[in-house]
Amino acid sequence: MEFPLGPFKLGAVLGRGGMGEVWRAEHSLLARPAAVKLIRPELLAREGERPEVSRARFEREARAQAALKSPHTVELYDYGVGSDGSFFIVMELLDGLT
């Protein structure tokens, strides 16, 4: 799968859920491993919600996650909206059990 935005190359699917998929990824220049969560926009929107409201809510949540500083949370590297309308979050990759 081609990543819709940014310098990350997707590898294997790590998991699928009701909102989207999580992929193993690597930054193409830094060779830094990451996890990329792709969220389908139609599943993020609440019934009757305008797309710009969904996007603003997604951005608030991403900024809140980025502000967390704890050894018990993953680090957020990047977030955005891909060319296909998918929302994405790029975060620290933790190897281990789900």
N, C-alpha and C. Protein backbone atom coordinates (compact mmCIF):
# COMPACT_ATOMS: atom_id res chain seq x y z
N MET A 1 0.85 -1.19 0.00
CA MET A 1 0.00 0.00 0.00
C MET A 1 0.88 1.24 0.00
N GLU A 2 0.53 2.21 -0.77
CA GLU A 2 1.26 3.47 -0.83
C GLU A 2 0.74 4.40 0.26
N PHE A 3 1.64 4.91 1.08
CA PHE A 3 1.24 5.84 2.13
C PHE A 3 0.78 7.13 1.49
N PRO A 4 -0.39 7.65 1.87
CA PRO A 4 -0.97 8.79 1.16
C PRO A 4 -0.28 10.13 1.39
N LEU A 5 0.59 10.21 2.38
CA LEU A 5 1.23 11.50 2.65
C LEU A 5 2.46 11.27 3.51
N GLY A 6 3.52 11.96 3.20
CA GLY A 6 4.68 11.93 4.07
C GLY A 6 5.76 10.96 3.64
N PRO A 7 6.85 10.94 4.42
CA PRO A 7 8.03 10.16 4.06
C PRO A 7 8.04 8.74 4.61
N PHE A 8 6.91 8.24 5.08
CA PHE A 8 6.89 6.90 5.67
C PHE A 8 6.49 5.85 4.65
N LYS A 9 7.22 4.73 4.68
CA LYS A 9 6.91 3.58 3.82
C LYS A 9 6.22 2.54 4.68
N LEU A 10 5.06 2.09 4.23
CA LEU A 10 4.30 1.10 4.98
C LEU A 10 4.87 -0.29 4.76
N GLY A 11 4.84 -1.08 5.82
CA GLY A 11 5.25 -2.48 5.75
C GLY A 11 4.04 -3.37 5.93
N ALA A 12 4.08 -4.20 6.95
CA ALA A 12 3.01 -5.17 7.21
C ALA A 12 1.89 -4.54 8.04
N VAL A 13 0.68 -5.06 7.85
CA VAL A 13 -0.45 -4.67 8.70
C VAL A 13 -0.25 -5.30 10.07
N LEU A 14 -0.34 -4.47 11.11
CA LEU A 14 -0.21 -4.97 12.48
C LEU A 14 -1.57 -5.31 13.08
N GLY A 15 -2.62 -4.65 12.61
CA GLY A 15 -3.95 -4.93 13.13
C GLY A 15 -5.01 -4.15 12.39
N ARG A 16 -6.23 -4.66 12.49
CA ARG A 16 -7.40 -4.00 11.89
C ARG A 16 -8.48 -3.91 12.95
N GLY A 17 -9.25 -2.83 12.87
CA GLY A 17 -10.34 -2.66 13.82
C GLY A 17 -11.50 -1.95 13.16
N GLY A 18 -12.44 -1.52 13.96
CA GLY A 18 -13.64 -0.88 13.45
C GLY A 18 -13.40 0.47 12.81
N MET A 19 -12.33 1.15 13.20
CA MET A 19 -12.06 2.49 12.67
C MET A 19 -11.02 2.51 11.56
N GLY A 20 -10.22 1.48 11.43
CA GLY A 20 -9.18 1.49 10.42
C GLY A 20 -8.14 0.42 10.64
N GLU A 21 -6.89 0.73 10.28
CA GLU A 21 -5.80 -0.24 10.32
C GLU A 21 -4.55 0.40 10.94
N VAL A 22 -3.70 -0.45 11.50
CA VAL A 22 -2.40 -0.01 12.00
C VAL A 22 -1.34 -0.77 11.21
N TRP A 23 -0.37 -0.03 10.68
CA TRP A 23 0.68 -0.59 9.84
C TRP A 23 2.04 -0.36 10.47
N ARG A 24 2.94 -1.32 10.30
CA ARG A 24 4.35 -1.10 10.61
C ARG A 24 4.88 -0.22 9.49
N ALA A 25 5.70 0.77 9.83
CA ALA A 25 6.22 1.69 8.82
C ALA A 25 7.65 2.07 9.17
N GLU A 26 8.29 2.72 8.21
CA GLU A 26 9.64 3.22 8.42
C GLU A 26 9.78 4.55 7.71
N HIS A 27 10.43 5.50 8.36
CA HIS A 27 10.71 6.79 7.74
C HIS A 27 11.74 6.55 6.64
N SER A 28 11.47 7.03 5.44
CA SER A 28 12.32 6.71 4.30
C SER A 28 13.72 7.31 4.39
N LEU A 29 13.90 8.42 5.09
CA LEU A 29 15.22 9.03 5.19
C LEU A 29 15.94 8.67 6.49
N LEU A 30 15.21 8.61 7.58
CA LEU A 30 15.82 8.37 8.89
C LEU A 30 15.91 6.89 9.25
N ALA A 31 15.23 6.04 8.50
CA ALA A 31 15.16 4.61 8.80
C ALA A 31 14.64 4.38 10.22
N ARG A 32 13.75 5.24 10.65
CA ARG A 32 13.16 5.17 11.99
C ARG A 32 11.87 4.38 11.92
N PRO A 33 11.74 3.30 12.72
CA PRO A 33 10.50 2.54 12.69
C PRO A 33 9.36 3.32 13.35
N ALA A 34 8.15 3.04 12.89
CA ALA A 34 6.97 3.72 13.41
C ALA A 34 5.75 2.83 13.19
N ALA A 35 4.68 3.20 13.85
CA ALA A 35 3.37 2.59 13.61
C ALA A 35 2.49 3.68 13.01
N VAL A 36 1.79 3.35 11.94
CA VAL A 36 0.91 4.30 11.28
C VAL A 36 -0.52 3.79 11.40
N LYS A 37 -1.36 4.62 12.00
CA LYS A 37 -2.77 4.29 12.14
C LYS A 37 -3.53 5.06 11.07
N LEU A 38 -4.20 4.35 10.18
CA LEU A 38 -5.02 4.96 9.13
C LEU A 38 -6.47 4.83 9.54
N ILE A 39 -7.17 5.95 9.57
CA ILE A 39 -8.56 5.98 10.02
C ILE A 39 -9.43 6.43 8.86
N ARG A 40 -10.43 5.63 8.54
CA ARG A 40 -11.33 5.99 7.45
C ARG A 40 -12.21 7.16 7.89
N PRO A 41 -12.28 8.21 7.06
CA PRO A 41 -13.00 9.42 7.48
C PRO A 41 -14.48 9.18 7.73
N GLU A 42 -15.10 8.29 6.99
CA GLU A 42 -16.53 8.05 7.17
C GLU A 42 -16.82 7.40 8.52
N LEU A 43 -15.83 6.76 9.10
CA LEU A 43 -16.02 6.14 10.41
C LEU A 43 -15.69 7.08 11.56
N LEU A 44 -14.93 8.12 11.28
CA LEU A 44 -14.58 9.10 12.30
C LEU A 44 -15.72 10.08 12.52
N ALA A 45 -16.44 10.39 11.45
CA ALA A 45 -17.51 11.39 11.54
C ALA A 45 -18.69 10.84 12.33
N ARG A 46 -19.23 11.68 13.15
CA ARG A 46 -20.47 11.36 13.85
C ARG A 46 -21.61 11.61 12.89
N GLU A 47 -22.72 10.95 13.11
CA GLU A 47 -23.86 11.08 12.20
C GLU A 47 -24.24 12.55 12.02
N GLY A 48 -24.31 12.98 10.77
CA GLY A 48 -24.70 14.34 10.44
C GLY A 48 -23.61 15.38 10.62
N GLU A 49 -22.40 14.96 11.00
CA GLU A 49 -21.31 15.90 11.25
C GLU A 49 -20.66 16.32 9.94
N ARG A 50 -20.37 17.60 9.82
CA ARG A 50 -19.68 18.11 8.63
C ARG A 50 -18.22 17.64 8.65
N PRO A 51 -17.60 17.42 7.48
CA PRO A 51 -16.21 16.94 7.42
C PRO A 51 -15.22 17.83 8.17
N GLU A 52 -15.39 19.14 8.11
CA GLU A 52 -14.45 20.03 8.79
C GLU A 52 -14.55 19.90 10.32
N VAL A 53 -15.71 19.52 10.82
CA VAL A 53 -15.87 19.30 12.26
C VAL A 53 -15.14 18.02 12.66
N SER A 54 -15.26 16.97 11.85
CA SER A 54 -14.54 15.71 12.11
C SER A 54 -13.04 15.95 12.10
N ARG A 55 -12.58 16.71 11.13
CA ARG A 55 -11.14 16.99 11.03
C ARG A 55 -10.64 17.78 12.24
N ALA A 56 -11.39 18.78 12.66
CA ALA A 56 -11.00 19.58 13.83
C ALA A 56 -10.95 18.70 15.08
N ARG A 57 -11.91 17.80 15.24
CA ARG A 57 -11.92 16.91 16.40
C ARG A 57 -10.72 15.97 16.36
N PHE A 58 -10.42 15.43 15.18
CA PHE A 58 -9.25 14.56 15.01
C PHE A 58 -7.97 15.30 15.37
N GLU A 59 -7.83 16.54 14.91
CA GLU A 59 -6.63 17.32 15.20
C GLU A 59 -6.50 17.63 16.69
N ARG A 60 -7.61 17.93 17.36
CA ARG A 60 -7.57 18.16 18.81
C ARG A 60 -7.09 16.91 19.55
N GLU A 61 -7.60 15.76 19.14
CA GLU A 61 -7.21 14.51 19.78
C GLU A 61 -5.73 14.20 19.53
N ALA A 62 -5.24 14.45 18.31
CA ALA A 62 -3.83 14.21 18.00
C ALA A 62 -2.94 15.14 18.82
N ARG A 63 -3.32 16.40 18.95
CA ARG A 63 -2.53 17.35 19.75
C ARG A 63 -2.53 16.95 21.23
N ALA A 64 -3.66 16.46 21.71
CA ALA A 64 -3.74 16.00 23.10
C ALA A 64 -2.81 14.81 23.32
N GLN A 65 -2.80 13.88 22.37
CA GLN A 65 -1.90 12.72 22.48
C GLN A 65 -0.45 13.17 22.42
N ALA A 66 -0.13 14.13 21.55
CA ALA A 66 1.25 14.61 21.42
C ALA A 66 1.74 15.29 22.70
N ALA A 67 0.82 15.86 23.47
CA ALA A 67 1.19 16.56 24.70
C ALA A 67 1.47 15.61 25.86
N LEU A 68 1.07 14.35 25.74
CA LEU A 68 1.29 13.39 26.82
C LEU A 68 2.77 13.06 26.94
N LYS A 69 3.29 13.11 28.12
CA LYS A 69 4.69 12.77 28.39
C LYS A 69 4.71 11.76 29.54
N SER A 70 4.76 10.50 29.19
CA SER A 70 4.73 9.45 30.20
C SER A 70 5.39 8.21 29.63
N PRO A 71 6.06 7.44 30.47
CA PRO A 71 6.61 6.17 29.99
C PRO A 71 5.51 5.15 29.68
N HIS A 72 4.27 5.48 29.99
CA HIS A 72 3.14 4.57 29.77
C HIS A 72 2.33 4.89 28.53
N THR A 73 2.77 5.87 27.75
CA THR A 73 2.08 6.22 26.51
C THR A 73 3.08 6.23 25.35
N VAL A 74 2.58 5.99 24.14
CA VAL A 74 3.45 6.05 22.97
C VAL A 74 3.61 7.49 22.53
N GLU A 75 4.75 7.77 21.91
CA GLU A 75 5.03 9.12 21.41
C GLU A 75 4.40 9.30 20.04
N LEU A 76 3.73 10.42 19.83
CA LEU A 76 3.15 10.74 18.54
C LEU A 76 4.20 11.49 17.73
N TYR A 77 4.48 11.04 16.50
CA TYR A 77 5.47 11.67 15.63
C TYR A 77 4.84 12.66 14.65
N ASP A 78 3.65 12.32 14.13
CA ASP A 78 3.04 13.13 13.09
C ASP A 78 1.57 12.75 12.98
N TYR A 79 0.79 13.60 12.33
CA TYR A 79 -0.59 13.29 12.01
C TYR A 79 -1.01 14.15 10.84
N GLY A 80 -2.11 13.79 10.20
CA GLY A 80 -2.60 14.58 9.09
C GLY A 80 -3.72 13.89 8.36
N VAL A 81 -4.01 14.43 7.19
CA VAL A 81 -5.05 13.87 6.32
C VAL A 81 -4.40 13.57 4.98
N GLY A 82 -4.54 12.32 4.53
CA GLY A 82 -3.95 11.90 3.27
C GLY A 82 -4.72 12.40 2.07
N SER A 83 -4.14 12.23 0.91
CA SER A 83 -4.76 12.69 -0.33
C SER A 83 -6.08 11.98 -0.62
N ASP A 84 -6.26 10.78 -0.03
CA ASP A 84 -7.52 10.05 -0.22
C ASP A 84 -8.56 10.37 0.84
N GLY A 85 -8.24 11.32 1.75
CA GLY A 85 -9.18 11.71 2.79
C GLY A 85 -9.02 10.93 4.09
N SER A 86 -8.14 9.92 4.10
CA SER A 86 -7.90 9.16 5.31
C SER A 86 -7.15 9.99 6.33
N PHE A 87 -7.54 9.87 7.58
CA PHE A 87 -6.80 10.49 8.67
C PHE A 87 -5.68 9.53 9.05
N PHE A 88 -4.52 10.08 9.42
CA PHE A 88 -3.45 9.20 9.85
C PHE A 88 -2.74 9.75 11.06
N ILE A 89 -2.24 8.84 11.88
CA ILE A 89 -1.42 9.16 13.04
C ILE A 89 -0.16 8.32 12.93
N VAL A 90 1.00 8.95 13.04
CA VAL A 90 2.28 8.25 13.03
C VAL A 90 2.81 8.29 14.45
N MET A 91 3.09 7.12 15.00
CA MET A 91 3.52 7.06 16.40
C MET A 91 4.64 6.06 16.59
N GLU A 92 5.19 6.12 17.76
CA GLU A 92 6.26 5.22 18.18
C GLU A 92 5.78 3.77 18.00
N LEU A 93 6.66 2.96 17.48
CA LEU A 93 6.37 1.53 17.31
C LEU A 93 6.90 0.78 18.52
N LEU A 94 6.00 0.05 19.16
CA LEU A 94 6.39 -0.79 20.29
C LEU A 94 6.25 -2.24 19.87
N ASP A 95 7.34 -2.99 19.95
CA ASP A 95 7.28 -4.41 19.65
C ASP A 95 6.78 -5.14 20.88
N GLY A 96 5.95 -6.12 20.67
CA GLY A 96 5.42 -6.90 21.78
C GLY A 96 4.02 -7.40 21.49
N LEU A 97 3.32 -7.73 22.53
CA LEU A 97 1.97 -8.24 22.41
C LEU A 97 0.98 -7.10 22.18
N THR A 98 -0.16 -7.42 21.60
CA THR A 98 -1.19 -6.40 21.38
C THR A 98 -1.89 -6.10 22.69
